[in-house]
């Protein structure tokens, strides 16, 4: 008589070297969870269901991960985990065992690859900083252009008002109140009027 546990088993998949699709050598360790669903098959169909599941898990992790590039491996871990689980479960089903989950828990990159990724990340940060700075300069240039248009418009209006008032300035009792917006450019306007008078 053989006792078979129906509890979920936590199985460590040892770290192993794997070559990714883009020829990067990495070390990957994973963990799998499975439980026996048919005790009779787990005894009759396979000699040691735990050992067999562990061996097929190592092979499957190596084969599946090798189909992806390093970038895909880092970005699509959940998808790869699910694919590994489905392949292992397909093998263990005839043995009366069901795999409930597989998780890649550790990815070790070569030192040279880590340096390259660090440089790439730094370059990306510098690129974003330059873009932000360029956008700030562009906005400042737009605001300066708007300010120049306003000043030009105010100067033209001031020149028109002062040209109307200039003939009356010879009167001793002449007084006139100018708006603040006009006063800001009154000196420039007077200079322009003097220059026009001198040329006539």
Protein backbone atom coordinates (compact mmCIF):
# COMPACT_ATOMS: atom_id res chain seq x y z
CA UNK A 1 0.00 0.00 0.00
CA UNK A 2 1.34 3.43 -1.02
CA UNK A 3 0.33 6.70 0.57
CA UNK A 4 -0.09 9.63 -1.80
CA UNK A 5 -0.38 13.21 -0.54
CA UNK A 6 -2.98 15.34 -2.27
CA UNK A 7 -1.61 18.60 -0.87
CA UNK A 8 -0.02 21.21 -3.12
CA UNK A 9 3.72 20.72 -3.46
CA UNK A 10 6.13 23.66 -3.74
CA UNK A 11 8.91 22.58 -6.07
CA UNK A 12 12.08 24.63 -6.59
CA UNK A 13 13.40 24.62 -10.15
CA UNK A 14 17.19 25.04 -9.80
CA UNK A 15 19.00 27.95 -11.43
CA UNK A 16 20.33 27.07 -14.88
CA UNK A 17 22.12 28.88 -17.68
CA UNK A 18 19.93 29.68 -20.65
CA UNK A 19 20.71 31.35 -23.98
CA UNK A 20 17.94 33.76 -24.99
CA UNK A 21 16.77 34.30 -28.54
CA UNK A 22 19.11 37.30 -28.92
CA UNK A 23 22.10 35.24 -27.69
CA UNK A 24 22.34 36.59 -24.14
CA UNK A 25 23.50 34.10 -21.50
CA UNK A 26 21.45 34.35 -18.30
CA UNK A 27 20.81 32.33 -15.16
CA UNK A 28 17.18 31.63 -14.31
CA UNK A 29 15.64 30.05 -11.23
CA UNK A 30 11.94 29.32 -10.88
CA UNK A 31 9.37 27.70 -8.62
CA UNK A 32 6.42 25.47 -9.55
CA UNK A 33 3.31 24.45 -7.63
CA UNK A 34 1.51 21.21 -8.36
CA UNK A 35 -0.72 18.65 -6.66
CA UNK A 36 -1.79 15.08 -7.36
CA UNK A 37 -5.30 14.82 -8.78
CA UNK A 38 -5.33 11.05 -9.46
CA UNK A 39 -3.40 9.02 -6.84
CA UNK A 40 -3.73 5.80 -8.85
CA UNK A 41 -2.09 7.27 -11.97
CA UNK A 42 0.63 8.96 -9.92
CA UNK A 43 1.68 5.54 -8.62
CA UNK A 44 1.08 3.34 -11.66
CA UNK A 45 1.97 5.61 -14.60
CA UNK A 46 5.22 7.06 -13.21
CA UNK A 47 7.85 5.80 -10.79
CA UNK A 48 8.42 9.09 -8.93
CA UNK A 49 6.01 11.86 -9.85
CA UNK A 50 7.90 14.57 -7.96
CA UNK A 51 11.27 13.82 -9.55
CA UNK A 52 9.72 13.50 -13.01
CA UNK A 53 7.86 16.80 -12.62
CA UNK A 54 11.05 18.52 -11.51
CA UNK A 55 13.04 17.23 -14.48
CA UNK A 56 10.40 18.13 -17.05
CA UNK A 57 10.09 21.59 -15.43
CA UNK A 58 13.80 22.30 -15.84
CA UNK A 59 13.71 21.26 -19.48
CA UNK A 60 10.56 23.26 -20.18
CA UNK A 61 11.91 26.44 -18.58
CA UNK A 62 15.05 26.19 -20.71
CA UNK A 63 13.14 25.53 -23.93
CA UNK A 64 10.45 28.18 -23.45
CA UNK A 65 12.75 30.96 -22.24
CA UNK A 66 15.09 30.30 -25.16
CA UNK A 67 12.31 31.33 -27.55
CA UNK A 68 12.25 34.90 -26.21
CA UNK A 69 14.69 37.80 -26.30
CA UNK A 70 15.99 39.37 -23.10
CA UNK A 71 13.73 42.41 -23.46
CA UNK A 72 10.69 40.17 -23.93
CA UNK A 73 11.70 38.06 -20.94
CA UNK A 74 11.87 41.11 -18.69
CA UNK A 75 8.69 42.71 -20.04
CA UNK A 76 6.45 39.66 -20.55
CA UNK A 77 7.27 37.53 -17.50
CA UNK A 78 3.63 36.75 -16.72
CA UNK A 79 2.98 35.54 -20.26
CA UNK A 80 6.10 33.34 -20.18
CA UNK A 81 5.14 31.92 -16.77
CA UNK A 82 1.76 30.89 -18.12
CA UNK A 83 3.30 29.29 -21.21
CA UNK A 84 5.75 27.26 -19.08
CA UNK A 85 2.89 26.14 -16.84
CA UNK A 86 0.80 24.94 -19.79
CA UNK A 87 3.67 22.91 -21.25
CA UNK A 88 4.55 21.25 -17.93
CA UNK A 89 0.91 20.56 -17.15
CA UNK A 90 0.51 18.85 -20.52
CA UNK A 91 3.26 16.42 -19.56
CA UNK A 92 2.13 15.79 -15.99
CA UNK A 93 -1.56 15.27 -16.72
CA UNK A 94 -1.12 11.58 -17.71
CA UNK A 95 0.74 11.06 -14.41
CA UNK A 96 -2.27 12.22 -12.39
CA UNK A 97 -0.70 15.56 -11.40
CA UNK A 98 -1.81 19.10 -12.15
CA UNK A 99 0.49 22.15 -12.21
CA UNK A 100 -1.29 25.17 -10.73
CA UNK A 101 1.39 27.83 -11.17
CA UNK A 102 4.96 28.47 -12.34
CA UNK A 103 6.87 31.61 -11.41
CA UNK A 104 10.27 32.80 -12.63
CA UNK A 105 11.72 34.17 -9.39
CA UNK A 106 15.30 35.10 -10.26
CA UNK A 107 17.02 36.32 -13.44
CA UNK A 108 20.77 36.92 -13.23
CA UNK A 109 22.30 38.96 -16.05
CA UNK A 110 25.98 39.04 -17.07
CA UNK A 111 27.98 41.98 -15.72
CA UNK A 112 28.60 43.39 -19.19
CA UNK A 113 24.88 43.27 -19.93
CA UNK A 114 24.10 45.08 -16.67
CA UNK A 115 26.54 47.85 -17.59
CA UNK A 116 25.04 48.18 -21.07
CA UNK A 117 21.52 48.42 -19.64
CA UNK A 118 22.66 51.05 -17.12
CA UNK A 119 24.18 53.16 -19.92
CA UNK A 120 21.03 52.79 -22.00
CA UNK A 121 18.87 53.90 -19.06
CA UNK A 122 21.16 56.89 -18.44
CA UNK A 123 21.00 57.90 -22.11
CA UNK A 124 17.21 57.65 -22.02
CA UNK A 125 17.06 59.90 -18.92
CA UNK A 126 19.32 62.47 -20.63
CA UNK A 127 17.14 62.38 -23.75
CA UNK A 128 14.00 63.06 -21.71
CA UNK A 129 15.74 65.89 -19.82
CA UNK A 130 16.75 67.54 -23.11
CA UNK A 131 13.22 67.22 -24.45
CA UNK A 132 11.80 68.85 -21.30
CA UNK A 133 14.38 71.66 -21.51
CA UNK A 134 13.62 72.23 -25.21
CA UNK A 135 9.88 72.37 -24.52
CA UNK A 136 10.53 74.93 -21.76
CA UNK A 137 12.61 77.10 -24.11
CA UNK A 138 9.93 76.86 -26.79
CA UNK A 139 7.21 77.97 -24.36
CA UNK A 140 9.42 80.83 -23.15
CA UNK A 141 10.02 81.92 -26.76
CA UNK A 142 6.26 81.89 -27.43
CA UNK A 143 5.62 84.04 -24.36
CA UNK A 144 8.38 86.48 -25.37
CA UNK A 145 6.86 86.72 -28.83
CA UNK A 146 3.44 87.49 -27.35
CA UNK A 147 4.99 90.10 -25.07
CA UNK A 148 6.78 91.71 -28.02
CA UNK A 149 3.51 91.94 -29.94
CA UNK A 150 1.82 93.61 -26.96
CA UNK A 151 4.68 96.10 -26.51
CA UNK A 152 4.71 96.88 -30.23
CA UNK A 153 0.96 97.46 -30.20
CA UNK A 154 1.21 99.69 -27.10
CA UNK A 155 4.07 101.68 -28.62
CA UNK A 156 2.10 102.30 -31.79
CA UNK A 157 -0.90 103.45 -29.81
CA UNK A 158 1.26 105.70 -27.62
CA UNK A 159 2.90 107.23 -30.68
CA UNK A 160 -0.52 107.99 -32.15
CA UNK A 161 -1.75 109.67 -28.95
CA UNK A 162 1.42 111.71 -28.50
CA UNK A 163 1.40 112.81 -32.12
CA UNK A 164 -2.01 114.30 -31.42
CA UNK A 165 -0.81 115.98 -28.23
CA UNK A 166 2.58 117.23 -29.49
CA UNK A 167 1.29 120.41 -31.21
CA UNK A 168 -0.39 121.45 -27.96
CA UNK A 169 2.77 121.08 -25.86
CA UNK A 170 3.81 124.69 -26.61
CA UNK A 171 0.99 125.96 -24.45
CA UNK A 172 2.10 126.93 -20.97
CA UNK A 173 -1.08 125.77 -19.24
CA UNK A 174 -1.34 122.47 -21.06
CA UNK A 175 -1.99 119.42 -18.84
CA UNK A 176 -2.94 115.91 -19.86
CA UNK A 177 -3.18 112.60 -17.97
CA UNK A 178 -1.74 109.58 -19.73
CA UNK A 179 -2.75 105.95 -19.00
CA UNK A 180 -0.16 103.74 -17.30
CA UNK A 181 0.15 101.54 -20.34
CA UNK A 182 1.13 104.59 -22.39
CA UNK A 183 3.52 105.92 -19.77
CA UNK A 184 5.56 102.72 -19.94
CA UNK A 185 6.63 103.57 -23.48
CA UNK A 186 6.35 107.34 -23.46
CA UNK A 187 10.11 107.89 -23.64
CA UNK A 188 10.42 105.68 -26.70
CA UNK A 189 7.49 107.48 -28.32
CA UNK A 190 8.96 110.93 -27.64
CA UNK A 191 12.27 109.87 -29.16
CA UNK A 192 10.48 108.64 -32.26
CA UNK A 193 8.54 111.92 -32.60
CA UNK A 194 11.71 114.00 -32.17
CA UNK A 195 13.44 111.93 -34.80
CA UNK A 196 10.51 112.42 -37.20
CA UNK A 197 10.51 116.19 -36.53
CA UNK A 198 14.22 116.47 -37.13
CA UNK A 199 14.01 114.70 -40.47
CA UNK A 200 11.18 116.92 -41.73
